[in-house]
Each structure stands twice: as structure tokens, then as C-alpha cells.
């Protein structure tokens, strides 16, 4: 039962704003409760329940089978709720804060429309528990005794929203009018125009099902008899779509429905009588509706501020390359110097730039620091999550370093430094520190006890420790 999942989705979305209640009125298909059937074996009920206890058993089975989390009550054996609301077989009713019926759906199953129910919930939630008045139809001029009115509900939308297109055909004469109208052609006959010339269309939503208020669904092209002074209505669900995604249409738009019933259409009509059929070109009035400008989201609207890298940055191209949302979107591996002369971001070390650690009196590598220099010792693959990993510059492997700090320093400062690392002219003990460290690295003393990792205001990366 897909309706159960749809109802639960609405409950999850609007349950905090609108109270939901399911009324179990009766078993829809009692013939399935035959002796020996799976359902009968589970419930012990055969056929239509004759006591309230049997109905409670079936209602409990319904909740279990469809996993309803919405509160449920059970109609009495007198069927009073079902009769009062004419609820057979499925009917959705929404009441406002004063208990007045604000929305009354057509009888199910064909009148059970999730998009229409959701539109009603949105309206009543947005208007403090009350249903706003429906928009007025815009009528065109009568043609051969028939005029057409058009309504879009809601009248203010965003691209991608579902909308209800309602047509009304009013007979303005004192004689019946027989209209041949293919209801599945509604959306094809809409003409939309905007003041700024931006193209827009309404496409079928879901099954694109239409419903006639007087005759149910029009499954075939056949005449619809509209009595004198009567109005025939058709509702079609659609989705507002931009012709071009790059244009982002917004503003006020006008929409008109056009209908032409000619000899070719009448030849396809299924009729057994000889009553005259309506012919002519009919136009609705222009209905004005608004399209909201798309909200300009920043990267932080989705990715949040969970670490210091994403707290203040608005230009993600500083650290990322490729097309946003595409498979080629990845982290830069050459953006170290762009990010790390920025002390205003809490936790970020000032490495590059005129005030950075590599601009001090002594620095770990000679000359101006470059991005590729950082990648000799650091792995940036998880840096966007605040993780800085050391890698072994001597082996050329990119997996994170798992040894000791002293051991890491010795990958370069031993008797066989990496060929891609250029050391300054040797002074004192030179760059080979293996013998020095083997003698002095005792009692927890490491390289960083006395030396800075990137730069220092003293010679030889000496820290000010006294």
C-alpha cells in the first residue's frame, strides 16, 4: 500500500505543525478474510467484522502491516464517522484551528491525491492553522455559450514546486452544452508568458491524472454534458519547470488555457446520440502567478562549519578544483600557501606570507616556501577535515607516518638524505644528526624540544625555551 508510505511521509514532514489522526472505518475487502487465508489465520476474523472486538483486531493488523506511527481511532459498528464524512473508501479531511473543515478531498481511491493533500497542509501550516481563501478563477469571454476559467494553486511558487491546474467550463446558456474535451491535454494547451520573456512550462506530476468533478476521471474522449448554468471542473497536477536551468526564471508570469474543438476532434468523439456538440476556439482569462527567485546557497549552507577550514571561507576554489557536484570535484594539493598566511582563522598556522614561519631568520628549507615543498613532508588527503598527516619523504610513500618524532626527523637527517631535498651548507655537525640524537635523545628529549618545525626567529630553528 503505497498510500501508507505517502501518509507517513506527510506525518514526518508536518506532524510538528498539524495534528494527524487515522480513523479506521471498516475493512475495505472483507472477501479476502475467507477461511484459511493468511490474513484470517493471523487475525482469526472471517469476513466482515460483526463486533467491535473483531474490528479492533483488524485495525491492529492494519497498523502492524503498514507500520503506521500516526495515532489511530476506530469507528463504531454504527459507522457514524464514515456516514458523517461520506468517507467510503478513503477520504482525507483537514480541519482548521476552529474545527471547521478547511479541506475535503474527493472520495477515494481516485480522489486521494498526495500532492493536493500536501498543498493543503502547507497552506494551513503557513497561515497559523487556517486555510487561506482559494484564488479566484480568471474567466475568458463566452464562445458559443461556453466560457472557461483558469486557476493555479498555489499562485506563488518556486521552480520544481507542484501546482494544481484547475479549469472551469461554465454553460452560460439555458440549454445543455455537450463538450468534447480530452482531459489529458490540459498541460499541452497552456500558454505561459513572463514580463521578462523567460520561458517556463508546467509538466505532468506523477501520473498526471486529471479528475472531473461531475463525472470522475475522463478516461476517453467523449462528450461531457454541461447543464444550463452548470460548471464542469477538471483538476490536473503539474510541476513548474524552467525551460533552461541556467536562466533561473523569476517574477510575475501570466498563463492562459487555449482550447480548439474542430471537426477532427469531434470525429474521435465517442457518442451515440445526435445532440449537437460544442465547437469553437475557447480561451481562459489570464491568471497571474509569481515565481520566487531561487535562493543562492553557499557551500557552507550544505557543508556546515564543522571544522576551522569551513568556518569563514566563501570561495571554495581556494582549496577545491573541478565542477561542483561533479565527479571531478576534489581537494587541491597545491593550495597550502594560499590558506596558511591567514591567521584570522582560529587554529590555522601562519606558514607562508611575509609574517609566516618560513619568512623568519632561520627556516627548515632554504629560499621562499612553495606548495610542493609542503608536500615533501605532509599528506593533504584528509586536511579538509582538520587532519594533518606526516609522510616519509625518504621512501616516497604517501601513507601517514606512524613512527616516533625523532625517527621522522632522521628520515632526512641521517647519512642518506632524500635526493629531492637540498640541505644548506653543512655547519657544525652538518645535516647528519643520527649520532647526535643517539647520544642526547634521552629522558624524553626530542628534536622539537629545542627546534621549531618550520621557522624560528633564532638561528638553526632554535626555540626560545628559557
Foldseek 3Di string as FASTA:
>chain_A
DVVLVLVVVLCVVCVVQAADEAEAQWDPCQCQQDPPHPVCVVQVDHGTDDAVVSVVSVVVVVCVVSVDPHHYDYDHPVSVVCVVLVAPPHWDWDAFPVRHTQDTFDHDDLRDDSLVVSLQSVQCSVVVRHHDDADDWFWDDDDPQKIKTWDWPPQEEAAFRKIKIKMKIWGADQAKAWEFDDLLCFQVQKDKADPVGFDKGWAADDVQFKAKPVPGGDPFRAIDIAHHGGMIMMMTMTGIHGPDPVVQDWFKMKMKGKDFDDPVSVVRYDDDDDDDHDGDIYMGGIDMGTYHGDDDDFPCVPVPPPDLLSPDDRPCVLFWDDDVPDPRIAGDQFNLQVPQCDPVGPPRANDADCPHQQNAPDWPADDHDGSVVVVLFWACRCVSVVDIFGDQNLVPDRDGDDDDPQVSLQSAQAPDHHPVGDDPDADDVGSNCPVVCVVPVPPPDHPVVAADHTHDNDPPRGDPDD
